[in-house]
Amino acid sequence: MTIAELTARISAFRDARDWMQYHSPKDMAVAIIAEAGELLQHFVWKSPEESWQRGREKRDEIASEIADVGILLFELADNLGLDLAAEMNAKIDCNEQRYPVEKARGSNAKYNEL
């Protein structure tokens, strides 16, 4: 399923329930943060190794939280008239410039510190 097809399914679900009235950009951004917080709860206070283990043990629950964040993000982009695929590709292009392989490989430094 393409991003456009998935976004259309999300919008149809929303519209069938007359929920657009509750989906202002501000409310969608708040909902994204709330759902991201629920995702984060799975990993808080875990070491990197423990977080990998938690990902395996709670895979279905974590997948559900990731899906919640994705659904809200896709809808927000669509509500704002953004082509999410194009925006993501543009951001990757930007990041390729900011983080050239020869400088960034194996480093977690921010682009302005490379």
PDB file of N, CA and C in Angstrom:
ATOM      1  N   MET A   1       0.851  -1.175   0.000  1.00  0.00           N
ATOM      2  CA  MET A   1       0.000   0.000   0.000  1.00  0.00           C
ATOM      3  C   MET A   1       0.894   1.236   0.000  1.00  0.00           C
ATOM      4  N   THR A   2       0.583   2.197  -0.838  1.00  0.00           N
ATOM      5  CA  THR A   2       1.381   3.418  -0.910  1.00  0.00           C
ATOM      6  C   THR A   2       1.012   4.374   0.228  1.00  0.00           C
ATOM      7  N   ILE A   3       1.834   5.371   0.429  1.00  0.00           N
ATOM      8  CA  ILE A   3       1.526   6.398   1.425  1.00  0.00           C
ATOM      9  C   ILE A   3       0.191   7.056   1.081  1.00  0.00           C
ATOM     10  N   ALA A   4      -0.031   7.361  -0.190  1.00  0.00           N
ATOM     11  CA  ALA A   4      -1.288   8.007  -0.602  1.00  0.00           C
ATOM     12  C   ALA A   4      -2.494   7.112  -0.317  1.00  0.00           C
ATOM     13  N   GLU A   5      -2.367   5.834  -0.608  1.00  0.00           N
ATOM     14  CA  GLU A   5      -3.477   4.906  -0.347  1.00  0.00           C
ATOM     15  C   GLU A   5      -3.753   4.766   1.148  1.00  0.00           C
ATOM     16  N   LEU A   6      -2.699   4.663   1.917  1.00  0.00           N
ATOM     17  CA  LEU A   6      -2.856   4.549   3.364  1.00  0.00           C
ATOM     18  C   LEU A   6      -3.461   5.826   3.943  1.00  0.00           C
ATOM     19  N   THR A   7      -3.008   6.965   3.459  1.00  0.00           N
ATOM     20  CA  THR A   7      -3.559   8.245   3.913  1.00  0.00           C
ATOM     21  C   THR A   7      -5.035   8.342   3.568  1.00  0.00           C
ATOM     22  N   ALA A   8      -5.422   7.887   2.388  1.00  0.00           N
ATOM     23  CA  ALA A   8      -6.839   7.901   1.998  1.00  0.00           C
ATOM     24  C   ALA A   8      -7.654   7.013   2.924  1.00  0.00           C
ATOM     25  N   ARG A   9      -7.103   5.879   3.322  1.00  0.00           N
ATOM     26  CA  ARG A   9      -7.824   4.985   4.245  1.00  0.00           C
ATOM     27  C   ARG A   9      -7.978   5.645   5.620  1.00  0.00           C
ATOM     28  N   ILE A  10      -6.928   6.304   6.075  1.00  0.00           N
ATOM     29  CA  ILE A  10      -6.980   7.020   7.356  1.00  0.00           C
ATOM     30  C   ILE A  10      -8.046   8.114   7.297  1.00  0.00           C
ATOM     31  N   SER A  11      -8.057   8.879   6.216  1.00  0.00           N
ATOM     32  CA  SER A  11      -9.036   9.960   6.070  1.00  0.00           C
ATOM     33  C   SER A  11     -10.455   9.422   6.000  1.00  0.00           C
ATOM     34  N   ALA A  12     -10.654   8.315   5.309  1.00  0.00           N
ATOM     35  CA  ALA A  12     -11.989   7.718   5.211  1.00  0.00           C
ATOM     36  C   ALA A  12     -12.470   7.265   6.589  1.00  0.00           C
ATOM     37  N   PHE A  13     -11.586   6.678   7.367  1.00  0.00           N
ATOM     38  CA  PHE A  13     -11.922   6.262   8.729  1.00  0.00           C
ATOM     39  C   PHE A  13     -12.355   7.478   9.549  1.00  0.00           C
ATOM     40  N   ARG A  14     -11.553   8.549   9.484  1.00  0.00           N
ATOM     41  CA  ARG A  14     -11.855   9.776  10.213  1.00  0.00           C
ATOM     42  C   ARG A  14     -13.170  10.389   9.763  1.00  0.00           C
ATOM     43  N   ASP A  15     -13.349  10.497   8.454  1.00  0.00           N
ATOM     44  CA  ASP A  15     -14.530  11.159   7.913  1.00  0.00           C
ATOM     45  C   ASP A  15     -15.813  10.394   8.211  1.00  0.00           C
ATOM     46  N   ALA A  16     -15.757   9.069   8.216  1.00  0.00           N
ATOM     47  CA  ALA A  16     -16.938   8.261   8.527  1.00  0.00           C
ATOM     48  C   ALA A  16     -17.432   8.531   9.942  1.00  0.00           C
ATOM     49  N   ARG A  17     -16.539   9.001  10.803  1.00  0.00           N
ATOM     50  CA  ARG A  17     -16.879   9.262  12.199  1.00  0.00           C
ATOM     51  C   ARG A  17     -17.061  10.751  12.493  1.00  0.00           C
ATOM     52  N   ASP A  18     -16.929  11.592  11.458  1.00  0.00           N
ATOM     53  CA  ASP A  18     -17.053  13.045  11.596  1.00  0.00           C
ATOM     54  C   ASP A  18     -16.072  13.588  12.639  1.00  0.00           C
ATOM     55  N   TRP A  19     -14.821  13.151  12.554  1.00  0.00           N
ATOM     56  CA  TRP A  19     -13.806  13.567  13.523  1.00  0.00           C
ATOM     57  C   TRP A  19     -12.919  14.708  13.042  1.00  0.00           C
ATOM     58  N   MET A  20     -13.042  15.125  11.783  1.00  0.00           N
ATOM     59  CA  MET A  20     -12.176  16.195  11.296  1.00  0.00           C
ATOM     60  C   MET A  20     -12.285  17.435  12.183  1.00  0.00           C
ATOM     61  N   GLN A  21     -13.455  17.657  12.733  1.00  0.00           N
ATOM     62  CA  GLN A  21     -13.665  18.822  13.595  1.00  0.00           C
ATOM     63  C   GLN A  21     -12.738  18.821  14.818  1.00  0.00           C
ATOM     64  N   TYR A  22     -12.199  17.675  15.171  1.00  0.00           N
ATOM     65  CA  TYR A  22     -11.303  17.554  16.317  1.00  0.00           C
ATOM     66  C   TYR A  22      -9.828  17.465  15.914  1.00  0.00           C
ATOM     67  N   HIS A  23      -9.564  17.534  14.626  1.00  0.00           N
ATOM     68  CA  HIS A  23      -8.218  17.251  14.129  1.00  0.00           C
ATOM     69  C   HIS A  23      -7.522  18.491  13.586  1.00  0.00           C
ATOM     70  N   SER A  24      -7.515  19.558  14.358  1.00  0.00           N
ATOM     71  CA  SER A  24      -6.757  20.755  13.984  1.00  0.00           C
ATOM     72  C   SER A  24      -5.269  20.409  14.003  1.00  0.00           C
ATOM     73  N   PRO A  25      -4.443  21.188  13.320  1.00  0.00           N
ATOM     74  CA  PRO A  25      -3.002  20.906  13.360  1.00  0.00           C
ATOM     75  C   PRO A  25      -2.453  20.838  14.790  1.00  0.00           C
ATOM     76  N   LYS A  26      -2.904  21.743  15.644  1.00  0.00           N
ATOM     77  CA  LYS A  26      -2.436  21.724  17.031  1.00  0.00           C
ATOM     78  C   LYS A  26      -2.841  20.436  17.724  1.00  0.00           C
ATOM     79  N   ASP A  27      -4.101  20.046  17.581  1.00  0.00           N
ATOM     80  CA  ASP A  27      -4.568  18.831  18.241  1.00  0.00           C
ATOM     81  C   ASP A  27      -3.888  17.585  17.689  1.00  0.00           C
ATOM     82  N   MET A  28      -3.599  17.572  16.396  1.00  0.00           N
ATOM     83  CA  MET A  28      -2.891  16.425  15.820  1.00  0.00           C
ATOM     84  C   MET A  28      -1.463  16.356  16.345  1.00  0.00           C
ATOM     85  N   ALA A  29      -0.798  17.506  16.449  1.00  0.00           N
ATOM     86  CA  ALA A  29       0.568  17.521  16.978  1.00  0.00           C
ATOM     87  C   ALA A  29       0.591  17.055  18.427  1.00  0.00           C
ATOM     88  N   VAL A  30      -0.382  17.503  19.210  1.00  0.00           N
ATOM     89  CA  VAL A  30      -0.481  17.061  20.605  1.00  0.00           C
ATOM     90  C   VAL A  30      -0.698  15.548  20.663  1.00  0.00           C
ATOM     91  N   ALA A  31      -1.581  15.035  19.820  1.00  0.00           N
ATOM     92  CA  ALA A  31      -1.857  13.596  19.810  1.00  0.00           C
ATOM     93  C   ALA A  31      -0.611  12.795  19.409  1.00  0.00           C
ATOM     94  N   ILE A  32       0.163  13.308  18.466  1.00  0.00           N
ATOM     95  CA  ILE A  32       1.402  12.634  18.068  1.00  0.00           C
ATOM     96  C   ILE A  32       2.347  12.530  19.261  1.00  0.00           C
ATOM     97  N   ILE A  33       2.502  13.620  20.000  1.00  0.00           N
ATOM     98  CA  ILE A  33       3.381  13.604  21.169  1.00  0.00           C
ATOM     99  C   ILE A  33       2.847  12.652  22.239  1.00  0.00           C
ATOM    100  N   ALA A  34       1.536  12.652  22.445  1.00  0.00           N
ATOM    101  CA  ALA A  34       0.943  11.749  23.439  1.00  0.00           C
ATOM    102  C   ALA A  34       1.210  10.294  23.068  1.00  0.00           C
ATOM    103  N   GLU A  35       0.998   9.954  21.811  1.00  0.00           N
ATOM    104  CA  GLU A  35       1.227   8.569  21.377  1.00  0.00           C
ATOM    105  C   GLU A  35       2.713   8.226  21.402  1.00  0.00           C
ATOM    106  N   ALA A  36       3.567   9.189  21.060  1.00  0.00           N
ATOM    107  CA  ALA A  36       5.007   8.950  21.134  1.00  0.00           C
ATOM    108  C   ALA A  36       5.425   8.711  22.582  1.00  0.00           C
ATOM    109  N   GLY A  37       4.774   9.389  23.517  1.00  0.00           N
ATOM    110  CA  GLY A  37       5.037   9.155  24.933  1.00  0.00           C
ATOM    111  C   GLY A  37       4.664   7.745  25.351  1.00  0.00           C
ATOM    112  N   GLU A  38       3.544   7.251  24.820  1.00  0.00           N
ATOM    113  CA  GLU A  38       3.152   5.872  25.115  1.00  0.00           C
ATOM    114  C   GLU A  38       4.178   4.890  24.555  1.00  0.00           C
ATOM    115  N   LEU A  39       4.714   5.194  23.396  1.00  0.00           N
ATOM    116  CA  LEU A  39       5.783   4.370  22.820  1.00  0.00           C
ATOM    117  C   LEU A  39       7.026   4.417  23.704  1.00  0.00           C
ATOM    118  N   LEU A  40       7.373   5.602  24.142  1.00  0.00           N
ATOM    119  CA  LEU A  40       8.570   5.778  24.961  1.00  0.00           C
ATOM    120  C   LEU A  40       8.482   5.030  26.287  1.00  0.00           C
ATOM    121  N   GLN A  41       7.276   4.910  26.828  1.00  0.00           N
ATOM    122  CA  GLN A  41       7.104   4.215  28.100  1.00  0.00           C
ATOM    123  C   GLN A  41       7.683   2.796  28.077  1.00  0.00           C
ATOM    124  N   HIS A  42       7.698   2.194  26.914  1.00  0.00           N
ATOM    125  CA  HIS A  42       8.248   0.833  26.816  1.00  0.00           C
ATOM    126  C   HIS A  42       9.755   0.797  27.061  1.00  0.00           C
ATOM    127  N   PHE A  43      10.421   1.920  26.884  1.00  0.00           N
ATOM    128  CA  PHE A  43      11.879   1.919  26.902  1.00  0.00           C
ATOM    129  C   PHE A  43      12.514   2.762  28.000  1.00  0.00           C
ATOM    130  N   VAL A  44      11.688   3.501  28.734  1.00  0.00           N
ATOM    131  CA  VAL A  44      12.251   4.395  29.740  1.00  0.00           C
ATOM    132  C   VAL A  44      13.010   3.591  30.797  1.00  0.00           C
ATOM    133  N   TRP A  45      14.175   4.098  31.147  1.00  0.00           N
ATOM    134  CA  TRP A  45      15.059   3.510  32.143  1.00  0.00           C
ATOM    135  C   TRP A  45      15.652   2.170  31.717  1.00  0.00           C
ATOM    136  N   LYS A  46      15.614   1.873  30.440  1.00  0.00           N
ATOM    137  CA  LYS A  46      16.204   0.629  29.943  1.00  0.00           C
ATOM    138  C   LYS A  46      17.570   0.928  29.314  1.00  0.00           C
ATOM    139  N   SER A  47      18.501   0.019  29.524  1.00  0.00           N
ATOM    140  CA  SER A  47      19.793   0.122  28.845  1.00  0.00           C
ATOM    141  C   SER A  47      19.567  -0.182  27.360  1.00  0.00           C
ATOM    142  N   PRO A  48      20.534   0.119  26.504  1.00  0.00           N
ATOM    143  CA  PRO A  48      20.362  -0.240  25.093  1.00  0.00           C
ATOM    144  C   PRO A  48      20.044  -1.726  24.908  1.00  0.00           C
ATOM    145  N   GLU A  49      20.734  -2.585  25.633  1.00  0.00           N
ATOM    146  CA  GLU A  49      20.479  -4.022  25.514  1.00  0.00           C
ATOM    147  C   GLU A  49      19.063  -4.382  25.986  1.00  0.00           C
ATOM    148  N   GLU A  50      18.671  -3.797  27.112  1.00  0.00           N
ATOM    149  CA  GLU A  50      17.329  -4.054  27.631  1.00  0.00           C
ATOM    150  C   GLU A  50      16.249  -3.540  26.676  1.00  0.00           C
ATOM    151  N   SER A  51      16.525  -2.423  26.006  1.00  0.00           N
ATOM    152  CA  SER A  51      15.527  -1.890  25.073  1.00  0.00           C
ATOM    153  C   SER A  51      15.355  -2.810  23.868  1.00  0.00           C
ATOM    154  N   TRP A  52      16.442  -3.422  23.400  1.00  0.00           N
ATOM    155  CA  TRP A  52      16.312  -4.408  22.316  1.00  0.00           C
ATOM    156  C   TRP A  52      15.482  -5.602  22.785  1.00  0.00           C
ATOM    157  N   GLN A  53      15.760  -6.067  23.990  1.00  0.00           N
ATOM    158  CA  GLN A  53      15.010  -7.193  24.551  1.00  0.00           C
ATOM    159  C   GLN A  53      13.535  -6.830  24.689  1.00  0.00           C
ATOM    160  N   ARG A  54      13.258  -5.640  25.194  1.00  0.00           N
ATOM    161  CA  ARG A  54      11.873  -5.186  25.354  1.00  0.00           C
ATOM    162  C   ARG A  54      11.177  -5.141  23.993  1.00  0.00           C
ATOM    163  N   GLY A  55      11.902  -4.708  22.973  1.00  0.00           N
ATOM    164  CA  GLY A  55      11.344  -4.675  21.622  1.00  0.00           C
ATOM    165  C   GLY A  55      10.930  -6.052  21.133  1.00  0.00           C
ATOM    166  N   ARG A  56      11.685  -7.047  21.497  1.00  0.00           N
ATOM    167  CA  ARG A  56      11.330  -8.416  21.116  1.00  0.00           C
ATOM    168  C   ARG A  56      10.165  -8.938  21.955  1.00  0.00           C
ATOM    169  N   GLU A  57      10.201  -8.678  23.255  1.00  0.00           N
ATOM    170  CA  GLU A  57       9.191  -9.213  24.164  1.00  0.00           C
ATOM    171  C   GLU A  57       7.820  -8.554  24.004  1.00  0.00           C
ATOM    172  N   LYS A  58       7.805  -7.284  23.704  1.00  0.00           N
ATOM    173  CA  LYS A  58       6.549  -6.523  23.618  1.00  0.00           C
ATOM    174  C   LYS A  58       6.301  -6.032  22.192  1.00  0.00           C
ATOM    175  N   ARG A  59       6.714  -6.837  21.243  1.00  0.00           N
ATOM    176  CA  ARG A  59       6.667  -6.443  19.833  1.00  0.00           C
ATOM    177  C   ARG A  59       5.292  -5.937  19.404  1.00  0.00           C
ATOM    178  N   ASP A  60       4.235  -6.685  19.713  1.00  0.00           N
ATOM    179  CA  ASP A  60       2.891  -6.306  19.266  1.00  0.00           C
ATOM    180  C   ASP A  60       2.434  -4.992  19.887  1.00  0.00           C
ATOM    181  N   GLU A  61       2.687  -4.817  21.176  1.00  0.00           N
ATOM    182  CA  GLU A  61       2.291  -3.573  21.846  1.00  0.00           C
ATOM    183  C   GLU A  61       3.063  -2.378  21.282  1.00  0.00           C
ATOM    184  N   ILE A  62       4.354  -2.560  21.061  1.00  0.00           N
ATOM    185  CA  ILE A  62       5.189  -1.495  20.517  1.00  0.00           C
ATOM    186  C   ILE A  62       4.771  -1.183  19.084  1.00  0.00           C
ATOM    187  N   ALA A  63       4.479  -2.212  18.306  1.00  0.00           N
ATOM    188  CA  ALA A  63       4.016  -1.999  16.927  1.00  0.00           C
ATOM    189  C   ALA A  63       2.734  -1.183  16.909  1.00  0.00           C
ATOM    190  N   SER A  64       1.831  -1.441  17.844  1.00  0.00           N
ATOM    191  CA  SER A  64       0.586  -0.690  17.922  1.00  0.00           C
ATOM    192  C   SER A  64       0.841   0.783  18.216  1.00  0.00           C
ATOM    193  N   GLU A  65       1.768   1.076  19.109  1.00  0.00           N
ATOM    194  CA  GLU A  65       2.092   2.477  19.428  1.00  0.00           C
ATOM    195  C   GLU A  65       2.763   3.166  18.238  1.00  0.00           C
ATOM    196  N   ILE A  66       3.643   2.455  17.557  1.00  0.00           N
ATOM    197  CA  ILE A  66       4.281   3.018  16.365  1.00  0.00           C
ATOM    198  C   ILE A  66       3.229   3.309  15.303  1.00  0.00           C
ATOM    199  N   ALA A  67       2.275   2.398  15.140  1.00  0.00           N
ATOM    200  CA  ALA A  67       1.196   2.610  14.171  1.00  0.00           C
ATOM    201  C   ALA A  67       0.368   3.836  14.537  1.00  0.00           C
ATOM    202  N   ASP A  68       0.070   4.019  15.824  1.00  0.00           N
ATOM    203  CA  ASP A  68      -0.676   5.204  16.252  1.00  0.00           C
ATOM    204  C   ASP A  68       0.046   6.485  15.846  1.00  0.00           C
ATOM    205  N   VAL A  69       1.341   6.539  16.104  1.00  0.00           N
ATOM    206  CA  VAL A  69       2.131   7.726  15.745  1.00  0.00           C
ATOM    207  C   VAL A  69       2.102   7.925  14.230  1.00  0.00           C
ATOM    208  N   GLY A  70       2.300   6.845  13.474  1.00  0.00           N
ATOM    209  CA  GLY A  70       2.306   6.947  12.024  1.00  0.00           C
ATOM    210  C   GLY A  70       0.977   7.408  11.458  1.00  0.00           C
ATOM    211  N   ILE A  71      -0.107   6.864  11.955  1.00  0.00           N
ATOM    212  CA  ILE A  71      -1.438   7.252  11.476  1.00  0.00           C
ATOM    213  C   ILE A  71      -1.659   8.744  11.691  1.00  0.00           C
ATOM    214  N   LEU A  72      -1.359   9.216  12.884  1.00  0.00           N
ATOM    215  CA  LEU A  72      -1.539  10.638  13.179  1.00  0.00           C
ATOM    216  C   LEU A  72      -0.635  11.512  12.320  1.00  0.00           C
ATOM    217  N   LEU A  73       0.594  11.078  12.120  1.00  0.00           N
ATOM    218  CA  LEU A  73       1.536  11.837  11.300  1.00  0.00           C
ATOM    219  C   LEU A  73       1.080  11.908   9.845  1.00  0.00           C
ATOM    220  N   PHE A  74       0.638  10.784   9.297  1.00  0.00           N
ATOM    221  CA  PHE A  74       0.150  10.767   7.919  1.00  0.00           C
ATOM    222  C   PHE A  74      -1.045  11.709   7.772  1.00  0.00           C
ATOM    223  N   GLU A  75      -1.961  11.655   8.743  1.00  0.00           N
ATOM    224  CA  GLU A  75      -3.140  12.510   8.647  1.00  0.00           C
ATOM    225  C   GLU A  75      -2.767  13.975   8.783  1.00  0.00           C
ATOM    226  N   LEU A  76      -1.908  14.316   9.710  1.00  0.00           N
ATOM    227  CA  LEU A  76      -1.508  15.716   9.872  1.00  0.00           C
ATOM    228  C   LEU A  76      -0.889  16.262   8.594  1.00  0.00           C
ATOM    229  N   ALA A  77       0.001  15.500   7.994  1.00  0.00           N
ATOM    230  CA  ALA A  77       0.610  15.942   6.739  1.00  0.00           C
ATOM    231  C   ALA A  77      -0.454  16.165   5.676  1.00  0.00           C
ATOM    232  N   ASP A  78      -1.372  15.234   5.552  1.00  0.00           N
ATOM    233  CA  ASP A  78      -2.433  15.357   4.562  1.00  0.00           C
ATOM    234  C   ASP A  78      -3.322  16.567   4.860  1.00  0.00           C
ATOM    235  N   ASN A  79      -3.695  16.755   6.122  1.00  0.00           N
ATOM    236  CA  ASN A  79      -4.531  17.891   6.500  1.00  0.00           C
ATOM    237  C   ASN A  79      -3.875  19.221   6.139  1.00  0.00           C
ATOM    238  N   LEU A  80      -2.542  19.255   6.193  1.00  0.00           N
ATOM    239  CA  LEU A  80      -1.808  20.476   5.869  1.00  0.00           C
ATOM    240  C   LEU A  80      -1.439  20.573   4.391  1.00  0.00           C
ATOM    241  N   GLY A  81      -1.899  19.603   3.602  1.00  0.00           N
ATOM    242  CA  GLY A  81      -1.620  19.629   2.166  1.00  0.00           C
ATOM    243  C   GLY A  81      -0.194  19.272   1.812  1.00  0.00           C
ATOM    244  N   LEU A  82       0.455  18.496   2.669  1.00  0.00           N
ATOM    245  CA  LEU A  82       1.835  18.086   2.420  1.00  0.00           C
ATOM    246  C   LEU A  82       1.867  16.696   1.808  1.00  0.00           C
ATOM    247  N   ASP A  83       2.708  16.523   0.819  1.00  0.00           N
ATOM    248  CA  ASP A  83       2.963  15.207   0.235  1.00  0.00           C
ATOM    249  C   ASP A  83       4.042  14.568   1.106  1.00  0.00           C
ATOM    250  N   LEU A  84       3.633  13.692   1.999  1.00  0.00           N
ATOM    251  CA  LEU A  84       4.556  13.136   2.987  1.00  0.00           C
ATOM    252  C   LEU A  84       5.731  12.426   2.338  1.00  0.00           C
ATOM    253  N   ALA A  85       5.487  11.667   1.286  1.00  0.00           N
ATOM    254  CA  ALA A  85       6.593  10.980   0.606  1.00  0.00           C
ATOM    255  C   ALA A  85       7.601  11.986   0.055  1.00  0.00           C
ATOM    256  N   ALA A  86       7.113  13.043  -0.571  1.00  0.00           N
ATOM    257  CA  ALA A  86       8.008  14.068  -1.123  1.00  0.00           C
ATOM    258  C   ALA A  86       8.766  14.786  -0.012  1.00  0.00           C
ATOM    259  N   GLU A  87       8.075  15.088   1.085  1.00  0.00           N
ATOM    260  CA  GLU A  87       8.724  15.773   2.210  1.00  0.00           C
ATOM    261  C   GLU A  87       9.791  14.899   2.852  1.00  0.00           C
ATOM    262  N   MET A  88       9.501  13.611   2.977  1.00  0.00           N
ATOM    263  CA  MET A  88      10.482  12.705   3.564  1.00  0.00           C
ATOM    264  C   MET A  88      11.696  12.553   2.655  1.00  0.00           C
ATOM    265  N   ASN A  89      11.457  12.441   1.353  1.00  0.00           N
ATOM    266  CA  ASN A  89      12.576  12.360   0.409  1.00  0.00           C
ATOM    267  C   ASN A  89      13.417  13.622   0.439  1.00  0.00           C
ATOM    268  N   ALA A  90      12.774  14.778   0.516  1.00  0.00           N
ATOM    269  CA  ALA A  90      13.514  16.042   0.576  1.00  0.00           C
ATOM    270  C   ALA A  90      14.364  16.104   1.847  1.00  0.00           C
ATOM    271  N   LYS A  91      13.814  15.616   2.954  1.00  0.00           N
ATOM    272  CA  LYS A  91      14.560  15.628   4.216  1.00  0.00           C
ATOM    273  C   LYS A  91      15.751  14.676   4.157  1.00  0.00           C
ATOM    274  N   ILE A  92      15.569  13.520   3.543  1.00  0.00           N
ATOM    275  CA  ILE A  92      16.696  12.590   3.377  1.00  0.00           C
ATOM    276  C   ILE A  92      17.770  13.234   2.503  1.00  0.00           C
ATOM    277  N   ASP A  93      17.362  13.915   1.427  1.00  0.00           N
ATOM    278  CA  ASP A  93      18.326  14.634   0.574  1.00  0.00           C
ATOM    279  C   ASP A  93      19.114  15.650   1.401  1.00  0.00           C
ATOM    280  N   CYS A  94      18.410  16.406   2.227  1.00  0.00           N
ATOM    281  CA  CYS A  94      19.042  17.394   3.096  1.00  0.00           C
ATOM    282  C   CYS A  94      20.022  16.713   4.056  1.00  0.00           C
ATOM    283  N   ASN A  95      19.585  15.619   4.669  1.00  0.00           N
ATOM    284  CA  ASN A  95      20.445  14.906   5.610  1.00  0.00           C
ATOM    285  C   ASN A  95      21.673  14.308   4.942  1.00  0.00           C
ATOM    286  N   GLU A  96      21.534  13.892   3.679  1.00  0.00           N
ATOM    287  CA  GLU A  96      22.708  13.382   2.950  1.00  0.00           C
ATOM    288  C   GLU A  96      23.755  14.473   2.781  1.00  0.00           C
ATOM    289  N   GLN A  97      23.316  15.709   2.642  1.00  0.00           N
ATOM    290  CA  GLN A  97      24.249  16.835   2.539  1.00  0.00           C
ATOM    291  C   GLN A  97      24.844  17.177   3.909  1.00  0.00           C
ATOM    292  N   ARG A  98      24.015  17.170   4.926  1.00  0.00           N
ATOM    293  CA  ARG A  98      24.465  17.518   6.273  1.00  0.00           C
ATOM    294  C   ARG A  98      25.376  16.456   6.879  1.00  0.00           C
ATOM    295  N   TYR A  99      25.125  15.210   6.514  1.00  0.00           N
ATOM    296  CA  TYR A  99      25.862  14.084   7.098  1.00  0.00           C
ATOM    297  C   TYR A  99      26.544  13.255   6.011  1.00  0.00           C
ATOM    298  N   PRO A 100      27.566  13.813   5.364  1.00  0.00           N
ATOM    299  CA  PRO A 100      28.254  13.020   4.333  1.00  0.00           C
ATOM    300  C   PRO A 100      28.887  11.776   4.955  1.00  0.00           C
ATOM    301  N   VAL A 101      28.811  10.683   4.222  1.00  0.00           N
ATOM    302  CA  VAL A 101      29.283   9.392   4.734  1.00  0.00           C
ATOM    303  C   VAL A 101      30.707   9.490   5.258  1.00  0.00           C
ATOM    304  N   GLU A 102      31.564  10.154   4.523  1.00  0.00           N
ATOM    305  CA  GLU A 102      32.974  10.209   4.908  1.00  0.00           C
ATOM    306  C   GLU A 102      33.201  10.926   6.246  1.00  0.00           C
ATOM    307  N   LYS A 103      32.274  11.768   6.671  1.00  0.00           N
ATOM    308  CA  LYS A 103      32.399  12.451   7.965  1.00  0.00           C
ATOM    309  C   LYS A 103      31.519  11.823   9.043  1.00  0.00           C
ATOM    310  N   ALA A 104      30.369  11.313   8.666  1.00  0.00           N
ATOM    311  CA  ALA A 104      29.378  10.892   9.652  1.00  0.00           C
ATOM    312  C   ALA A 104      29.418   9.408  10.007  1.00  0.00           C
ATOM    313  N   ARG A 105      30.045   8.601   9.172  1.00  0.00           N
ATOM    314  CA  ARG A 105      30.031   7.161   9.427  1.00  0.00           C
ATOM    315  C   ARG A 105      30.583   6.825  10.800  1.00  0.00           C
ATOM    316  N   GLY A 106      29.762   6.143  11.617  1.00  0.00           N
ATOM    317  CA  GLY A 106      30.182   5.713  12.943  1.00  0.00           C
ATOM    318  C   GLY A 106      30.182   6.818  13.987  1.00  0.00           C
ATOM    319  N   SER A 107      29.703   8.007  13.633  1.00  0.00           N
ATOM    320  CA  SER A 107      29.685   9.130  14.568  1.00  0.00           C
ATOM    321  C   SER A 107      28.249   9.526  14.895  1.00  0.00           C
ATOM    322  N   ASN A 108      27.993   9.911  16.137  1.00  0.00           N
ATOM    323  CA  ASN A 108      26.678  10.422  16.500  1.00  0.00           C
ATOM    324  C   ASN A 108      26.685  11.938  16.663  1.00  0.00           C
ATOM    325  N   ALA A 109      27.738  12.595  16.172  1.00  0.00           N
ATOM    326  CA  ALA A 109      27.844  14.043  16.257  1.00  0.00           C
ATOM    327  C   ALA A 109      26.811  14.714  15.357  1.00  0.00           C
ATOM    328  N   LYS A 110      26.318  15.860  15.809  1.00  0.00           N
ATOM    329  CA  LYS A 110      25.386  16.642  15.008  1.00  0.00           C
ATOM    330  C   LYS A 110      26.133  17.200  13.801  1.00  0.00           C
ATOM    331  N   TYR A 111      25.378  17.466  12.728  1.00  0.00           N
ATOM    332  CA  TYR A 111      25.984  17.884  11.461  1.00  0.00           C
ATOM    333  C   TYR A 111      26.922  19.075  11.623  1.00  0.00           C
ATOM    334  N   ASN A 112      26.602  20.017  12.507  1.00  0.00           N
ATOM    335  CA  ASN A 112      27.456  21.202  12.648  1.00  0.00           C
ATOM    336  C   ASN A 112      28.685  20.940  13.524  1.00  0.00           C
ATOM    337  N   GLU A 113      28.815  19.700  13.999  1.00  0.00           N
ATOM    338  CA  GLU A 113      29.975  19.330  14.804  1.00  0.00           C
ATOM    339  C   GLU A 113      30.877  18.318  14.101  1.00  0.00           C
ATOM    340  N   LEU A 114      30.513  17.930  12.889  1.00  0.00           N
ATOM    341  CA  LEU A 114      31.326  16.957  12.159  1.00  0.00           C
ATOM    342  C   LEU A 114      32.585  17.601  11.604  1.00  0.00           C
TER     343      LEU A 114
END
